[in-house]
Amino acid sequence: MCLSIPSKALSIDENNLVIVKALGTKCRVRLNIIGGPVFVGGYILIHVGFVMQK
């Protein structure tokens, strides 16, 4: 069973890293495996450091 965390995208840099706010903390996750654009202010699901779904 996998657990993903809904998070708000705060910023995106040129290296496919997005800063997200999740559970009251900020962290960086990778956009390498998602098949579509992610926008600042949008909500995404993250799992093990990667964006899984928007």
N, C-alpha and C. Protein backbone atom coordinates (compact mmCIF):
# COMPACT_ATOMS: atom_id res chain seq x y z
N MET A 1 0.85 -1.18 0.00
CA MET A 1 0.00 0.00 0.00
C MET A 1 0.89 1.24 0.00
N CYS A 2 0.56 2.19 -0.85
CA CYS A 2 1.33 3.42 -0.96
C CYS A 2 0.54 4.58 -0.37
N LEU A 3 1.26 5.54 0.13
CA LEU A 3 0.65 6.74 0.68
C LEU A 3 1.22 7.93 -0.05
N SER A 4 0.35 8.74 -0.63
CA SER A 4 0.81 9.98 -1.26
C SER A 4 0.26 11.16 -0.47
N ILE A 5 0.98 12.26 -0.51
CA ILE A 5 0.63 13.41 0.30
C ILE A 5 0.21 14.56 -0.62
N PRO A 6 -1.02 15.09 -0.48
CA PRO A 6 -1.40 16.26 -1.28
C PRO A 6 -0.61 17.48 -0.82
N SER A 7 -0.03 18.19 -1.79
CA SER A 7 0.85 19.31 -1.48
C SER A 7 0.63 20.44 -2.46
N LYS A 8 0.87 21.67 -2.02
CA LYS A 8 0.72 22.85 -2.86
C LYS A 8 2.06 23.23 -3.46
N ALA A 9 2.12 23.41 -4.78
CA ALA A 9 3.35 23.82 -5.46
C ALA A 9 3.61 25.30 -5.20
N LEU A 10 4.76 25.62 -4.62
CA LEU A 10 5.11 27.00 -4.30
C LEU A 10 6.01 27.62 -5.35
N SER A 11 6.94 26.85 -5.90
CA SER A 11 7.83 27.35 -6.96
C SER A 11 8.39 26.17 -7.73
N ILE A 12 8.82 26.45 -8.97
CA ILE A 12 9.39 25.43 -9.84
C ILE A 12 10.68 26.01 -10.41
N ASP A 13 11.76 25.21 -10.39
CA ASP A 13 13.01 25.71 -10.95
C ASP A 13 13.35 25.02 -12.27
N GLU A 14 14.47 25.41 -12.87
CA GLU A 14 14.85 24.91 -14.19
C GLU A 14 15.36 23.48 -14.17
N ASN A 15 15.59 22.91 -12.99
CA ASN A 15 16.09 21.53 -12.86
C ASN A 15 14.98 20.52 -12.60
N ASN A 16 13.73 20.88 -12.92
CA ASN A 16 12.57 20.01 -12.68
C ASN A 16 12.36 19.70 -11.19
N LEU A 17 12.67 20.66 -10.34
CA LEU A 17 12.39 20.53 -8.92
C LEU A 17 11.31 21.52 -8.54
N VAL A 18 10.38 21.08 -7.74
CA VAL A 18 9.31 21.95 -7.27
C VAL A 18 9.38 22.01 -5.75
N ILE A 19 9.23 23.21 -5.22
CA ILE A 19 9.14 23.40 -3.77
C ILE A 19 7.67 23.29 -3.42
N VAL A 20 7.35 22.40 -2.49
CA VAL A 20 5.96 22.18 -2.09
C VAL A 20 5.81 22.42 -0.60
N LYS A 21 4.58 22.73 -0.21
CA LYS A 21 4.24 22.81 1.20
C LYS A 21 3.36 21.61 1.52
N ALA A 22 3.85 20.77 2.41
CA ALA A 22 3.14 19.54 2.77
C ALA A 22 3.18 19.36 4.27
N LEU A 23 2.04 19.18 4.86
CA LEU A 23 1.93 18.92 6.29
C LEU A 23 2.64 19.99 7.13
N GLY A 24 2.58 21.24 6.64
CA GLY A 24 3.15 22.34 7.40
C GLY A 24 4.63 22.58 7.18
N THR A 25 5.29 21.78 6.34
CA THR A 25 6.71 21.97 6.06
C THR A 25 6.92 22.12 4.55
N LYS A 26 8.06 22.70 4.19
CA LYS A 26 8.41 22.85 2.78
C LYS A 26 9.47 21.83 2.42
N CYS A 27 9.36 21.26 1.22
CA CYS A 27 10.37 20.32 0.75
C CYS A 27 10.46 20.39 -0.77
N ARG A 28 11.54 19.82 -1.32
CA ARG A 28 11.73 19.77 -2.77
C ARG A 28 11.40 18.38 -3.27
N VAL A 29 10.68 18.31 -4.40
CA VAL A 29 10.37 17.04 -5.03
C VAL A 29 10.64 17.16 -6.52
N ARG A 30 10.84 16.03 -7.18
CA ARG A 30 11.18 16.00 -8.60
C ARG A 30 9.94 15.83 -9.48
N LEU A 31 10.01 16.45 -10.66
CA LEU A 31 8.92 16.37 -11.64
C LEU A 31 9.23 15.39 -12.77
N ASN A 32 10.22 14.56 -12.64
CA ASN A 32 10.70 13.73 -13.73
C ASN A 32 9.70 12.70 -14.26
N ILE A 33 8.80 12.19 -13.45
CA ILE A 33 7.95 11.10 -13.92
C ILE A 33 6.49 11.49 -14.17
N ILE A 34 6.14 12.75 -13.98
CA ILE A 34 4.77 13.17 -14.25
C ILE A 34 4.65 13.54 -15.72
N GLY A 35 3.52 13.21 -16.33
CA GLY A 35 3.34 13.43 -17.76
C GLY A 35 2.50 14.65 -18.08
N GLY A 36 2.82 15.79 -17.58
CA GLY A 36 2.07 16.99 -17.89
C GLY A 36 2.59 18.16 -17.09
N PRO A 37 2.14 19.35 -17.44
CA PRO A 37 2.65 20.53 -16.73
C PRO A 37 2.12 20.66 -15.31
N VAL A 38 2.95 21.18 -14.45
CA VAL A 38 2.58 21.49 -13.07
C VAL A 38 2.71 23.00 -12.92
N PHE A 39 1.74 23.63 -12.30
CA PHE A 39 1.72 25.07 -12.17
C PHE A 39 1.85 25.50 -10.71
N VAL A 40 2.52 26.62 -10.48
CA VAL A 40 2.64 27.18 -9.14
C VAL A 40 1.24 27.50 -8.62
N GLY A 41 0.95 27.10 -7.41
CA GLY A 41 -0.35 27.31 -6.80
C GLY A 41 -1.25 26.10 -6.93
N GLY A 42 -0.90 25.16 -7.81
CA GLY A 42 -1.69 23.95 -7.98
C GLY A 42 -1.36 22.91 -6.92
N TYR A 43 -2.23 21.94 -6.79
CA TYR A 43 -2.01 20.86 -5.83
C TYR A 43 -1.59 19.60 -6.55
N ILE A 44 -0.62 18.90 -5.95
CA ILE A 44 -0.08 17.68 -6.54
C ILE A 44 0.01 16.61 -5.46
N LEU A 45 0.16 15.37 -5.90
CA LEU A 45 0.38 14.27 -4.97
C LEU A 45 1.82 13.84 -5.08
N ILE A 46 2.50 13.73 -3.95
CA ILE A 46 3.90 13.30 -3.96
C ILE A 46 4.05 11.98 -3.21
N HIS A 47 5.04 11.21 -3.67
CA HIS A 47 5.35 9.94 -3.03
C HIS A 47 6.85 9.68 -3.21
N VAL A 48 7.55 9.47 -2.16
CA VAL A 48 8.97 9.15 -2.14
C VAL A 48 9.80 10.17 -2.95
N GLY A 49 9.46 11.45 -2.81
CA GLY A 49 10.25 12.49 -3.43
C GLY A 49 9.94 12.81 -4.88
N PHE A 50 8.91 12.20 -5.45
CA PHE A 50 8.51 12.43 -6.82
C PHE A 50 7.03 12.84 -6.88
N VAL A 51 6.72 13.70 -7.85
CA VAL A 51 5.32 14.07 -8.09
C VAL A 51 4.68 12.91 -8.84
N MET A 52 3.59 12.39 -8.33
CA MET A 52 2.93 11.24 -8.95
C MET A 52 1.70 11.64 -9.78
N GLN A 53 1.01 12.68 -9.36
CA GLN A 53 -0.24 13.08 -10.03
C GLN A 53 -0.55 14.51 -9.66
N LYS A 54 -1.25 15.21 -10.57
CA LYS A 54 -1.67 16.57 -10.26
C LYS A 54 -3.17 16.63 -10.12
